[in-house]
Amino acid sequence: MGMTDHDKLKGVRARIDAVDAEILRLVSERGRLAQEVARIKREVGEQGDFYRPDREQQVLRRIRRENPGPLPGDSVVRLFREIMSSCLALQMPLKVAYLGPEGTFTQAAALAHFGHDVHHQPLATIDSIFREAESGDMHYGVVPVENSTEGVVNHTLDCFMTSPLQIVGEIELRIQHNLASRELDRAAVTRVYSHQQGLAQCRTWLDVNLPAAERITVSSTAEAARRAAEESGSAAIAGDAAVEMHGLNLLAEGIEDISGNTTRFLVIGRQSPPPTGDDKTSLLISRADQPGGLCRLLEPLGRHGINMTRLDARPSRQGVWEYAFFIDCLGHADDQPLKDALVEMRKEASLFRVLGSYPRAAR
């Protein structure tokens, strides 16, 4: 007599149980090895945190490259990120500050980068994140730096003017905005709350679908969701986490005007990691105002074949109409040919700082 479907299903489930047991055994073994790494490092005098972004990125890139399927690469990387987060917590729990409150996209970026087994601390301002990381009360901070449609976050750039902190990583987060409310019908909405970036990124959708609704800027998308939960006739433009946290009704999903809307976040800490083979370097440079000054500053990058991916100008605070330039380029500051180009740029600059070399965000 052949096997019935019930017998086949029972056999597959037994194999799943065996695989689960093996996964548990291997994850536990990885945790024990992480503890052994911490013990060896302490024996040789290492007392700082044991987070190594260069090592982590190399592991995650290898996992993505060698993934045989059927799980997609992003899913496999997410699973391994959480395993690594839990193992790191066995060595020494990290403290990471992010731009709060809870439910913001910055929190989502922090979770995506560090996993859930770190101590995440929401702070009210970008300045306070820099201060906490500088003092050592927090090991790292996560701050927004630019959006693909709305441009740079000037406050973050300005903090680098005076902070000794380095950039140790970057996160690129796909942003999906939702319209959510305690109301069940969009017609009942008379005002819309969001962060200024959220309102700007959904401007056309609001013009078409809620032209008469008042648009009110608040400190974060999470704060917008809180107000929408408390006030009748109100709605928020916010992400999934804030909508779920405040128990709102989804009135429309994915209302951002440009598909592929992405925000880039920086991880800040006290020391940039060593090269990984796929890195990015950020610079802060300036030169006394004179004809052709910027061209001379940038010329070594082109001559050495360095790909510059971003250039932003901010008032330098050194004099009226004098500017500092924030530059991103591909490569690590310790590797040629970028190392040679930076030596030449330093000679031309009145202000020159390497803000950090760090692993590029996976794409």
Protein backbone atom coordinates (compact mmCIF):
# COMPACT_ATOMS: atom_id res chain seq x y z
CA MET A 1 0.00 0.00 0.00
CA GLY A 2 1.41 3.40 -0.98
CA MET A 3 1.95 6.27 1.43
CA THR A 4 -1.02 8.55 1.98
CA ASP A 5 -0.73 12.33 1.85
CA HIS A 6 -1.05 12.31 5.63
CA ASP A 7 1.93 9.95 5.94
CA LYS A 8 4.00 12.11 3.57
CA LEU A 9 3.16 15.26 5.52
CA LYS A 10 4.01 13.55 8.79
CA GLY A 11 7.40 12.50 7.38
CA VAL A 12 8.21 16.02 6.14
CA ARG A 13 7.27 17.50 9.52
CA ALA A 14 9.55 15.01 11.26
CA ARG A 15 12.42 16.15 9.02
CA ILE A 16 11.60 19.79 9.81
CA ASP A 17 11.75 18.99 13.53
CA ALA A 18 15.16 17.38 13.05
CA VAL A 19 16.43 20.37 11.06
CA ASP A 20 15.14 22.75 13.75
CA ALA A 21 16.99 20.78 16.40
CA GLU A 22 20.19 21.00 14.36
CA ILE A 23 19.71 24.75 13.81
CA LEU A 24 19.29 25.22 17.56
CA ARG A 25 22.43 23.19 18.25
CA LEU A 26 24.47 25.20 15.75
CA VAL A 27 23.18 28.59 16.93
CA SER A 28 24.04 27.61 20.51
CA GLU A 29 27.52 26.59 19.37
CA ARG A 30 27.93 29.95 17.65
CA GLY A 31 26.97 31.67 20.89
CA ARG A 32 29.59 29.68 22.82
CA LEU A 33 32.22 30.59 20.23
CA ALA A 34 31.28 34.28 20.59
CA GLN A 35 31.82 33.99 24.34
CA GLU A 36 35.22 32.37 23.67
CA VAL A 37 36.18 35.28 21.39
CA ALA A 38 35.28 37.73 24.16
CA ARG A 39 37.32 35.75 26.71
CA ILE A 40 40.41 35.72 24.46
CA LYS A 41 40.12 39.45 23.75
CA ARG A 42 39.83 40.29 27.44
CA GLU A 43 42.89 38.16 28.20
CA VAL A 44 44.95 40.34 25.84
CA GLY A 45 43.60 43.53 27.38
CA GLU A 46 40.73 44.61 25.12
CA GLN A 47 38.14 46.37 27.26
CA GLY A 48 36.03 48.25 24.67
CA ASP A 49 32.96 47.03 22.86
CA PHE A 50 33.41 44.00 20.63
CA TYR A 51 31.34 45.22 17.71
CA ARG A 52 33.35 44.98 14.48
CA PRO A 53 31.39 46.47 11.57
CA ASP A 54 34.06 45.44 9.06
CA ARG A 55 33.94 41.80 10.16
CA GLU A 56 30.13 41.81 10.30
CA GLN A 57 29.80 43.22 6.78
CA GLN A 58 32.25 40.69 5.38
CA VAL A 59 30.24 37.84 6.93
CA LEU A 60 26.91 39.19 5.68
CA ARG A 61 28.25 39.76 2.17
CA ARG A 62 29.56 36.20 2.08
CA ILE A 63 26.20 34.86 3.31
CA ARG A 64 24.36 36.79 0.60
CA ARG A 65 26.83 35.65 -2.08
CA GLU A 66 26.71 31.96 -1.07
CA ASN A 67 22.97 31.77 -0.37
CA PRO A 68 21.64 28.79 -2.38
CA GLY A 69 17.94 29.69 -1.91
CA PRO A 70 15.02 29.27 -1.86
CA LEU A 71 15.01 32.05 0.77
CA PRO A 72 15.82 35.43 -0.83
CA GLY A 73 19.12 37.09 0.03
CA ASP A 74 17.55 39.86 2.11
CA SER A 75 15.74 37.33 4.28
CA VAL A 76 18.87 35.25 4.88
CA VAL A 77 20.91 38.36 5.74
CA ARG A 78 18.20 39.51 8.17
CA LEU A 79 18.25 36.12 9.92
CA PHE A 80 22.04 36.15 10.26
CA ARG A 81 22.00 39.79 11.42
CA GLU A 82 19.81 38.79 14.36
CA ILE A 83 22.00 35.77 15.18
CA MET A 84 25.05 38.04 15.20
CA SER A 85 23.20 40.62 17.33
CA SER A 86 22.33 37.96 19.92
CA CYS A 87 25.88 36.60 19.96
CA LEU A 88 27.32 40.10 20.40
CA ALA A 89 24.98 40.64 23.35
CA LEU A 90 26.59 37.61 25.01
CA GLN A 91 29.97 39.35 24.74
CA MET A 92 28.93 42.87 25.71
CA PRO A 93 25.52 44.47 25.05
CA LEU A 94 25.78 47.54 22.85
CA LYS A 95 24.04 50.84 23.65
CA VAL A 96 22.83 52.61 20.52
CA ALA A 97 21.11 55.99 20.41
CA TYR A 98 18.75 56.94 17.60
CA LEU A 99 16.53 59.87 16.70
CA GLY A 100 13.29 59.12 18.53
CA PRO A 101 10.64 58.67 19.63
CA GLU A 102 9.94 54.96 19.15
CA GLY A 103 8.35 54.13 15.83
CA THR A 104 10.48 56.46 13.66
CA PHE A 105 12.25 55.42 10.49
CA THR A 106 15.53 56.06 12.30
CA GLN A 107 14.62 53.35 14.80
CA ALA A 108 13.84 51.03 11.91
CA ALA A 109 17.30 51.79 10.47
CA ALA A 110 18.97 51.11 13.82
CA LEU A 111 17.18 47.77 14.15
CA ALA A 112 18.07 46.82 10.58
CA HIS A 113 21.75 47.53 11.24
CA PHE A 114 22.27 46.29 14.80
CA GLY A 115 19.45 43.78 15.27
CA HIS A 116 17.15 43.64 18.27
CA ASP A 117 19.57 42.41 20.95
CA VAL A 118 21.16 45.78 21.66
CA HIS A 119 19.96 48.52 23.99
CA HIS A 120 18.25 51.06 21.72
CA GLN A 121 17.83 54.52 23.26
CA PRO A 122 15.54 57.08 21.58
CA LEU A 123 16.75 60.68 21.91
CA ALA A 124 14.95 63.87 20.98
CA THR A 125 17.57 65.63 18.86
CA ILE A 126 20.48 64.91 16.54
CA ASP A 127 22.72 67.03 18.78
CA SER A 128 21.96 64.84 21.79
CA ILE A 129 22.86 61.69 19.84
CA PHE A 130 26.26 63.17 19.03
CA ARG A 131 26.77 64.23 22.67
CA GLU A 132 25.86 60.82 24.10
CA ALA A 133 28.17 59.01 21.69
CA GLU A 134 30.99 61.49 22.35
CA SER A 135 30.68 61.04 26.12
CA GLY A 136 30.71 57.24 25.88
CA ASP A 137 27.29 56.88 27.48
CA MET A 138 26.22 55.37 24.16
CA HIS A 139 28.53 53.19 22.08
CA TYR A 140 27.01 54.35 18.78
CA GLY A 141 24.42 56.68 17.34
CA VAL A 142 22.20 56.46 14.27
CA VAL A 143 21.29 59.72 12.49
CA PRO A 144 19.61 60.52 9.14
CA VAL A 145 21.84 62.24 6.59
CA GLU A 146 20.00 62.39 3.26
CA ASN A 147 16.86 61.39 1.40
CA SER A 148 16.83 60.39 -2.25
CA THR A 149 14.08 62.90 -3.09
CA GLU A 150 14.41 65.69 -0.50
CA GLY A 151 18.19 65.98 -0.18
CA VAL A 152 20.51 66.30 2.82
CA VAL A 153 19.72 66.65 6.52
CA ASN A 154 21.66 69.84 7.23
CA HIS A 155 21.55 69.43 11.01
CA THR A 156 23.52 66.19 10.81
CA LEU A 157 26.17 67.75 8.57
CA ASP A 158 26.49 70.74 10.89
CA CYS A 159 27.13 68.48 13.90
CA PHE A 160 30.19 67.03 12.16
CA MET A 161 31.70 70.54 12.07
CA THR A 162 32.56 70.36 15.76
CA SER A 163 32.26 66.68 16.69
CA PRO A 164 35.30 64.36 16.92
CA LEU A 165 33.11 61.34 16.11
CA GLN A 166 33.73 59.14 13.09
CA ILE A 167 31.31 57.51 10.69
CA VAL A 168 31.47 53.74 11.21
CA GLY A 169 28.65 52.59 8.94
CA GLU A 170 25.75 53.55 6.72
CA ILE A 171 22.22 52.25 6.28
CA GLU A 172 19.95 52.75 3.28
CA LEU A 173 16.30 52.27 4.18
CA ARG A 174 13.45 52.09 1.68
CA ILE A 175 10.80 54.51 2.96
CA GLN A 176 7.11 53.67 2.57
CA HIS A 177 4.68 56.27 3.85
CA ASN A 178 1.15 55.40 4.91
CA LEU A 179 -1.88 57.54 5.65
CA ALA A 180 -3.34 56.33 8.96
CA SER A 181 -6.02 57.58 11.32
CA ARG A 182 -8.43 56.62 14.08
CA GLU A 183 -11.09 57.42 11.47
CA LEU A 184 -12.32 54.71 9.13
CA ASP A 185 -13.01 56.96 6.17
CA ARG A 186 -10.56 59.27 4.42
CA ALA A 187 -13.40 61.79 3.92
CA ALA A 188 -13.42 62.44 7.69
CA VAL A 189 -9.80 63.66 7.67
CA THR A 190 -9.43 67.45 8.02
CA ARG A 191 -5.78 67.66 9.10
CA VAL A 192 -2.65 65.62 8.36
CA TYR A 193 0.35 65.44 10.67
CA SER A 194 3.87 64.37 9.72
CA HIS A 195 7.52 65.25 9.85
CA GLN A 196 8.41 67.92 7.29
CA GLN A 197 10.14 65.28 5.16
CA GLY A 198 7.05 63.06 5.20
CA LEU A 199 4.81 65.91 4.07
CA ALA A 200 7.26 66.90 1.36
CA GLN A 201 7.64 63.34 0.06
CA CYS A 202 3.84 62.93 -0.23
CA ARG A 203 3.00 66.42 -1.49
CA THR A 204 1.48 65.42 -4.83
CA TRP A 205 -0.59 62.60 -3.32
CA LEU A 206 -2.01 65.02 -0.74
CA ASP A 207 -2.76 67.62 -3.42
CA VAL A 208 -4.82 65.07 -5.35
CA ASN A 209 -6.48 63.08 -2.56
CA LEU A 210 -6.75 65.47 0.42
CA PRO A 211 -6.48 68.96 -1.08
CA ALA A 212 -8.54 70.65 1.65
CA ALA A 213 -6.83 69.00 4.64
CA GLU A 214 -4.56 71.16 6.79
CA ARG A 215 -0.93 69.94 6.79
CA ILE A 216 0.82 70.26 10.13
CA THR A 217 4.53 69.67 10.68
CA VAL A 218 5.58 67.82 13.86
CA SER A 219 8.92 66.53 15.15
CA SER A 220 8.63 62.98 13.78
CA THR A 221 6.36 60.55 11.99
CA ALA A 222 5.93 58.73 15.32
CA GLU A 223 4.70 61.95 16.95
CA ALA A 224 2.32 62.38 14.02
CA ALA A 225 0.88 58.92 14.66
CA ARG A 226 0.44 59.70 18.37
CA ARG A 227 -1.54 62.85 17.60
CA ALA A 228 -3.67 61.11 15.00
CA ALA A 229 -4.56 58.48 17.59
CA GLU A 230 -5.73 61.14 20.04
CA GLU A 231 -7.59 63.58 17.78
CA SER A 232 -10.72 63.00 15.73
CA GLY A 233 -10.51 64.19 12.15
CA SER A 234 -6.73 63.76 12.14
CA ALA A 235 -4.46 61.52 10.13
CA ALA A 236 -0.73 60.85 10.10
CA ILE A 237 1.78 60.14 7.39
CA ALA A 238 3.94 57.50 9.07
CA GLY A 239 5.66 54.16 8.69
CA ASP A 240 4.34 50.72 9.57
CA ALA A 241 5.90 50.62 13.05
CA ALA A 242 4.30 53.90 14.21
CA VAL A 243 0.94 52.94 12.71
CA GLU A 244 0.95 49.60 14.53
CA MET A 245 2.25 51.09 17.78
CA HIS A 246 -0.67 53.53 18.03
CA GLY A 247 -3.35 51.18 16.72
CA LEU A 248 -4.32 53.32 13.74
CA ASN A 249 -6.42 52.34 10.74
CA LEU A 250 -4.60 52.24 7.41
CA LEU A 251 -6.42 54.54 5.00
CA ALA A 252 -3.81 54.37 2.22
CA GLU A 253 -0.45 52.60 1.80
CA GLY A 254 2.63 53.64 -0.15
CA ILE A 255 1.56 57.26 -0.74
CA GLU A 256 5.08 58.64 -1.34
CA ASP A 257 5.23 60.51 -4.65
CA ILE A 258 8.38 58.78 -5.93
CA SER A 259 8.70 55.00 -5.82
CA GLY A 260 12.05 53.84 -4.51
CA ASN A 261 12.13 56.70 -1.99
CA THR A 262 15.16 55.91 0.20
CA THR A 263 16.72 57.57 3.24
CA ARG A 264 20.38 57.15 4.12
CA PHE A 265 21.44 56.99 7.75
CA LEU A 266 24.90 57.14 9.30
CA VAL A 267 26.20 55.13 12.23
CA ILE A 268 28.51 57.33 14.32
CA GLY A 269 31.10 56.17 16.84
CA ARG A 270 34.59 56.85 18.09
CA GLN A 271 36.65 54.88 15.54
CA SER A 272 36.10 53.89 11.92
CA PRO A 273 36.66 50.24 10.96
CA PRO A 274 39.52 48.87 8.82
CA PRO A 275 39.02 48.16 5.09
CA THR A 276 36.56 45.52 3.91
CA GLY A 277 37.19 45.74 0.16
CA ASP A 278 33.94 47.61 -0.54
CA ASP A 279 34.06 50.85 1.41
CA LYS A 280 33.09 54.49 1.31
CA THR A 281 34.96 57.49 2.76
CA SER A 282 33.42 60.79 3.89
CA LEU A 283 35.41 64.02 4.02
CA LEU A 284 34.94 67.52 5.43
CA ILE A 285 37.12 70.03 3.59
CA SER A 286 37.37 73.76 3.01
CA ARG A 287 39.66 76.26 1.33
CA ALA A 288 39.91 80.02 1.72
CA ASP A 289 37.55 81.68 -0.76
CA GLN A 290 39.47 82.19 -4.00
CA PRO A 291 38.91 81.57 -7.71
CA GLY A 292 39.19 77.90 -8.60
CA GLY A 293 39.67 76.82 -4.98
CA LEU A 294 37.11 73.99 -5.08
CA CYS A 295 38.43 72.70 -8.39
CA ARG A 296 41.94 72.45 -6.97
CA LEU A 297 40.61 70.64 -3.88
CA LEU A 298 38.80 68.03 -5.98
CA GLU A 299 41.35 67.63 -8.77
CA PRO A 300 43.35 64.82 -7.05
CA LEU A 301 40.21 62.65 -6.86
CA GLY A 302 39.73 62.77 -10.62
CA ARG A 303 43.42 62.29 -11.38
CA HIS A 304 43.61 59.18 -9.18
CA GLY A 305 40.39 57.73 -10.63
CA ILE A 306 38.32 58.08 -7.44
CA ASN A 307 34.53 57.98 -7.82
CA MET A 308 32.95 60.87 -5.87
CA THR A 309 29.35 60.01 -4.98
CA ARG A 310 28.21 63.13 -3.09
CA LEU A 311 29.18 66.78 -2.67
CA ASP A 312 27.33 69.17 -0.33
CA ALA A 313 28.22 72.67 0.86
CA ARG A 314 27.47 74.19 4.25
CA PRO A 315 28.49 77.54 5.80
CA SER A 316 31.85 76.89 7.46
CA ARG A 317 31.31 79.25 10.42
CA GLN A 318 34.88 80.45 9.83
CA GLY A 319 33.87 83.60 7.99
CA VAL A 320 31.08 85.26 6.03
CA TRP A 321 30.33 83.43 2.75
CA GLU A 322 32.93 80.77 3.45
CA TYR A 323 31.83 77.19 2.96
CA ALA A 324 32.84 73.71 4.03
CA PHE A 325 32.27 70.81 1.67
CA PHE A 326 31.07 67.36 2.62
CA ILE A 327 32.28 64.74 0.16
CA ASP A 328 31.59 61.01 -0.17
CA CYS A 329 33.85 58.91 -2.37
CA LEU A 330 34.38 55.21 -2.95
CA GLY A 331 37.31 53.49 -1.30
CA HIS A 332 38.95 53.36 2.13
CA ALA A 333 41.26 56.11 3.35
CA ASP A 334 43.97 53.53 4.17
CA ASP A 335 43.97 52.05 0.67
CA GLN A 336 45.59 53.30 -2.53
CA PRO A 337 44.78 55.13 -4.70
CA LEU A 338 42.47 57.09 -2.37
CA LYS A 339 45.21 57.38 0.25
CA ASP A 340 47.47 59.19 -2.25
CA ALA A 341 44.66 61.51 -3.36
CA LEU A 342 43.89 62.50 0.26
CA VAL A 343 47.53 63.43 0.89
CA GLU A 344 47.40 65.84 -2.04
CA MET A 345 44.00 67.26 -1.03
CA ARG A 346 45.22 67.94 2.49
CA LYS A 347 47.97 70.20 1.08
CA GLU A 348 45.38 72.36 -0.72
CA ALA A 349 42.83 72.58 2.11
CA SER A 350 42.50 75.11 4.93
CA LEU A 351 40.22 72.58 6.70
CA PHE A 352 40.60 68.84 6.13
CA ARG A 353 39.01 65.98 8.08
CA VAL A 354 38.37 62.37 7.20
CA LEU A 355 34.97 61.83 8.83
CA GLY A 356 35.28 58.10 8.41
CA SER A 357 35.83 55.14 6.13
CA TYR A 358 33.19 52.45 6.49
CA PRO A 359 31.53 49.51 4.69
CA ARG A 360 29.13 50.53 1.92
CA ALA A 361 25.48 49.73 2.46
CA ALA A 362 24.39 46.56 0.68
CA ARG A 363 22.31 47.15 -2.46
